[in-house]
Amino acid sequence: MNDEPASDEENTSETANTSIEDAVDRFLGDTDTALGEYDRGYTDADATLSVVRSHLQELRAAVDGDDD
């Protein structure tokens, strides 16, 4: 068993993985919500695609490490 604290590189990697996992979870949840609203007739196809595309852009930015 290793009692040494994790290195900065290991901490950064773990934080990045957590951030990506969080971004994926948000994307899936938000996309499911948008598709559910479409299925229930609350939005049309164009509006739903627009919402899904914006969620996809947010996911790509999170994976690429952009905070914009």
N, C-alpha and C. Protein backbone atom coordinates (compact mmCIF):
# COMPACT_ATOMS: atom_id res chain seq x y z
N MET A 1 0.85 -1.18 0.00
CA MET A 1 0.00 0.00 0.00
C MET A 1 0.88 1.23 0.00
N ASN A 2 0.54 2.22 -0.79
CA ASN A 2 1.32 3.43 -0.96
C ASN A 2 0.65 4.55 -0.18
N ASP A 3 1.36 5.10 0.82
CA ASP A 3 0.80 6.17 1.65
C ASP A 3 1.18 7.55 1.16
N GLU A 4 1.90 7.63 0.02
CA GLU A 4 2.32 8.92 -0.51
C GLU A 4 1.11 9.62 -1.14
N PRO A 5 1.04 10.95 -0.96
CA PRO A 5 -0.07 11.68 -1.59
C PRO A 5 0.05 11.64 -3.11
N ALA A 6 -1.08 11.78 -3.77
CA ALA A 6 -1.09 11.78 -5.23
C ALA A 6 -0.34 12.99 -5.75
N SER A 7 0.31 12.81 -6.88
CA SER A 7 1.03 13.92 -7.49
C SER A 7 0.06 14.90 -8.11
N ASP A 8 0.57 16.11 -8.41
CA ASP A 8 -0.27 17.12 -9.05
C ASP A 8 -0.81 16.61 -10.38
N GLU A 9 0.02 15.87 -11.11
CA GLU A 9 -0.39 15.34 -12.41
C GLU A 9 -1.54 14.34 -12.24
N GLU A 10 -1.47 13.49 -11.23
CA GLU A 10 -2.53 12.52 -10.97
C GLU A 10 -3.81 13.24 -10.56
N ASN A 11 -3.68 14.25 -9.71
CA ASN A 11 -4.85 15.02 -9.28
C ASN A 11 -5.51 15.73 -10.45
N THR A 12 -4.69 16.31 -11.32
CA THR A 12 -5.21 17.02 -12.49
C THR A 12 -5.93 16.05 -13.41
N SER A 13 -5.35 14.87 -13.62
CA SER A 13 -5.97 13.86 -14.47
C SER A 13 -7.30 13.40 -13.90
N GLU A 14 -7.35 13.16 -12.59
CA GLU A 14 -8.59 12.74 -11.95
C GLU A 14 -9.65 13.84 -12.03
N THR A 15 -9.24 15.08 -11.86
CA THR A 15 -10.17 16.19 -11.95
C THR A 15 -10.71 16.32 -13.37
N ALA A 16 -9.85 16.17 -14.36
CA ALA A 16 -10.28 16.24 -15.76
C ALA A 16 -11.26 15.12 -16.07
N ASN A 17 -10.98 13.91 -15.60
CA ASN A 17 -11.89 12.80 -15.84
C ASN A 17 -13.24 13.05 -15.19
N THR A 18 -13.23 13.59 -13.98
CA THR A 18 -14.48 13.89 -13.29
C THR A 18 -15.25 14.97 -14.04
N SER A 19 -14.56 15.99 -14.52
CA SER A 19 -15.20 17.06 -15.27
C SER A 19 -15.84 16.53 -16.55
N ILE A 20 -15.14 15.66 -17.24
CA ILE A 20 -15.67 15.07 -18.47
C ILE A 20 -16.87 14.19 -18.14
N GLU A 21 -16.76 13.40 -17.08
CA GLU A 21 -17.89 12.55 -16.68
C GLU A 21 -19.10 13.40 -16.33
N ASP A 22 -18.88 14.50 -15.62
CA ASP A 22 -19.97 15.41 -15.27
C ASP A 22 -20.58 16.02 -16.53
N ALA A 23 -19.73 16.40 -17.48
CA ALA A 23 -20.22 16.99 -18.73
C ALA A 23 -21.04 15.98 -19.53
N VAL A 24 -20.59 14.74 -19.55
CA VAL A 24 -21.35 13.69 -20.25
C VAL A 24 -22.68 13.46 -19.57
N ASP A 25 -22.67 13.40 -18.25
CA ASP A 25 -23.92 13.22 -17.51
C ASP A 25 -24.91 14.35 -17.79
N ARG A 26 -24.39 15.61 -17.78
CA ARG A 26 -25.25 16.76 -18.10
C ARG A 26 -25.80 16.65 -19.51
N PHE A 27 -24.91 16.30 -20.47
CA PHE A 27 -25.33 16.18 -21.87
C PHE A 27 -26.45 15.15 -22.01
N LEU A 28 -26.24 13.98 -21.42
CA LEU A 28 -27.24 12.93 -21.54
C LEU A 28 -28.57 13.34 -20.90
N GLY A 29 -28.50 13.92 -19.72
CA GLY A 29 -29.73 14.35 -19.05
C GLY A 29 -30.45 15.44 -19.81
N ASP A 30 -29.70 16.45 -20.25
CA ASP A 30 -30.31 17.57 -20.98
C ASP A 30 -30.87 17.11 -22.33
N THR A 31 -30.16 16.21 -23.00
CA THR A 31 -30.62 15.71 -24.29
C THR A 31 -31.87 14.84 -24.10
N ASP A 32 -31.87 14.00 -23.07
CA ASP A 32 -33.06 13.20 -22.78
C ASP A 32 -34.26 14.11 -22.51
N THR A 33 -34.03 15.19 -21.78
CA THR A 33 -35.12 16.13 -21.49
C THR A 33 -35.64 16.75 -22.78
N ALA A 34 -34.73 17.20 -23.63
CA ALA A 34 -35.14 17.82 -24.90
C ALA A 34 -35.92 16.83 -25.77
N LEU A 35 -35.45 15.61 -25.85
CA LEU A 35 -36.14 14.60 -26.66
C LEU A 35 -37.49 14.24 -26.04
N GLY A 36 -37.55 14.19 -24.73
CA GLY A 36 -38.81 13.91 -24.06
C GLY A 36 -39.84 15.00 -24.33
N GLU A 37 -39.40 16.25 -24.32
CA GLU A 37 -40.31 17.36 -24.61
C GLU A 37 -40.81 17.27 -26.05
N TYR A 38 -39.93 16.87 -26.95
CA TYR A 38 -40.35 16.68 -28.35
C TYR A 38 -41.37 15.54 -28.44
N ASP A 39 -41.08 14.43 -27.78
CA ASP A 39 -41.98 13.27 -27.81
C ASP A 39 -43.37 13.62 -27.28
N ARG A 40 -43.43 14.52 -26.28
CA ARG A 40 -44.71 14.91 -25.70
C ARG A 40 -45.39 16.03 -26.50
N GLY A 41 -44.74 16.49 -27.56
CA GLY A 41 -45.33 17.51 -28.42
C GLY A 41 -45.15 18.93 -27.93
N TYR A 42 -44.25 19.13 -26.96
CA TYR A 42 -44.03 20.48 -26.42
C TYR A 42 -43.16 21.35 -27.34
N THR A 43 -42.33 20.71 -28.16
CA THR A 43 -41.45 21.45 -29.07
C THR A 43 -41.47 20.77 -30.43
N ASP A 44 -41.08 21.54 -31.46
CA ASP A 44 -41.00 20.94 -32.79
C ASP A 44 -39.58 20.41 -33.03
N ALA A 45 -39.40 19.75 -34.15
CA ALA A 45 -38.12 19.11 -34.45
C ALA A 45 -36.98 20.12 -34.55
N ASP A 46 -37.22 21.25 -35.19
CA ASP A 46 -36.16 22.26 -35.34
C ASP A 46 -35.68 22.79 -33.99
N ALA A 47 -36.62 23.08 -33.12
CA ALA A 47 -36.25 23.58 -31.79
C ALA A 47 -35.49 22.51 -31.00
N THR A 48 -35.93 21.28 -31.11
CA THR A 48 -35.26 20.18 -30.40
C THR A 48 -33.84 19.99 -30.90
N LEU A 49 -33.67 20.00 -32.21
CA LEU A 49 -32.31 19.87 -32.76
C LEU A 49 -31.42 21.02 -32.33
N SER A 50 -31.96 22.21 -32.28
CA SER A 50 -31.19 23.37 -31.84
C SER A 50 -30.71 23.19 -30.40
N VAL A 51 -31.60 22.71 -29.53
CA VAL A 51 -31.23 22.48 -28.14
C VAL A 51 -30.18 21.38 -28.04
N VAL A 52 -30.38 20.29 -28.75
CA VAL A 52 -29.41 19.17 -28.71
C VAL A 52 -28.05 19.63 -29.23
N ARG A 53 -28.05 20.43 -30.30
CA ARG A 53 -26.78 20.94 -30.84
C ARG A 53 -26.06 21.82 -29.82
N SER A 54 -26.81 22.64 -29.09
CA SER A 54 -26.16 23.50 -28.10
C SER A 54 -25.57 22.65 -26.97
N HIS A 55 -26.28 21.60 -26.58
CA HIS A 55 -25.74 20.69 -25.55
C HIS A 55 -24.50 19.98 -26.07
N LEU A 56 -24.50 19.62 -27.34
CA LEU A 56 -23.34 18.97 -27.93
C LEU A 56 -22.14 19.91 -27.96
N GLN A 57 -22.37 21.18 -28.26
CA GLN A 57 -21.28 22.17 -28.23
C GLN A 57 -20.71 22.30 -26.82
N GLU A 58 -21.57 22.31 -25.82
CA GLU A 58 -21.10 22.40 -24.43
C GLU A 58 -20.28 21.17 -24.06
N LEU A 59 -20.72 20.00 -24.51
CA LEU A 59 -19.96 18.77 -24.24
C LEU A 59 -18.60 18.81 -24.91
N ARG A 60 -18.57 19.22 -26.16
CA ARG A 60 -17.29 19.31 -26.88
C ARG A 60 -16.34 20.29 -26.16
N ALA A 61 -16.87 21.41 -25.73
CA ALA A 61 -16.04 22.41 -25.03
C ALA A 61 -15.49 21.81 -23.74
N ALA A 62 -16.30 21.06 -23.03
CA ALA A 62 -15.82 20.44 -21.78
C ALA A 62 -14.74 19.42 -22.06
N VAL A 63 -14.90 18.64 -23.11
CA VAL A 63 -13.91 17.61 -23.44
C VAL A 63 -12.61 18.27 -23.90
N ASP A 64 -12.75 19.36 -24.66
CA ASP A 64 -11.57 20.07 -25.17
C ASP A 64 -10.91 20.93 -24.09
N GLY A 65 -11.60 21.10 -22.97
CA GLY A 65 -11.03 21.88 -21.87
C GLY A 65 -11.31 23.36 -21.96
N ASP A 66 -12.24 23.74 -22.83
CA ASP A 66 -12.61 25.15 -22.96
C ASP A 66 -13.65 25.49 -21.91
N ASP A 67 -13.52 26.67 -21.31
CA ASP A 67 -14.49 27.11 -20.32
C ASP A 67 -15.45 28.13 -20.90
N ASP A 68 -15.37 28.42 -22.20
CA ASP A 68 -16.23 29.44 -22.82
C ASP A 68 -17.62 28.94 -23.03
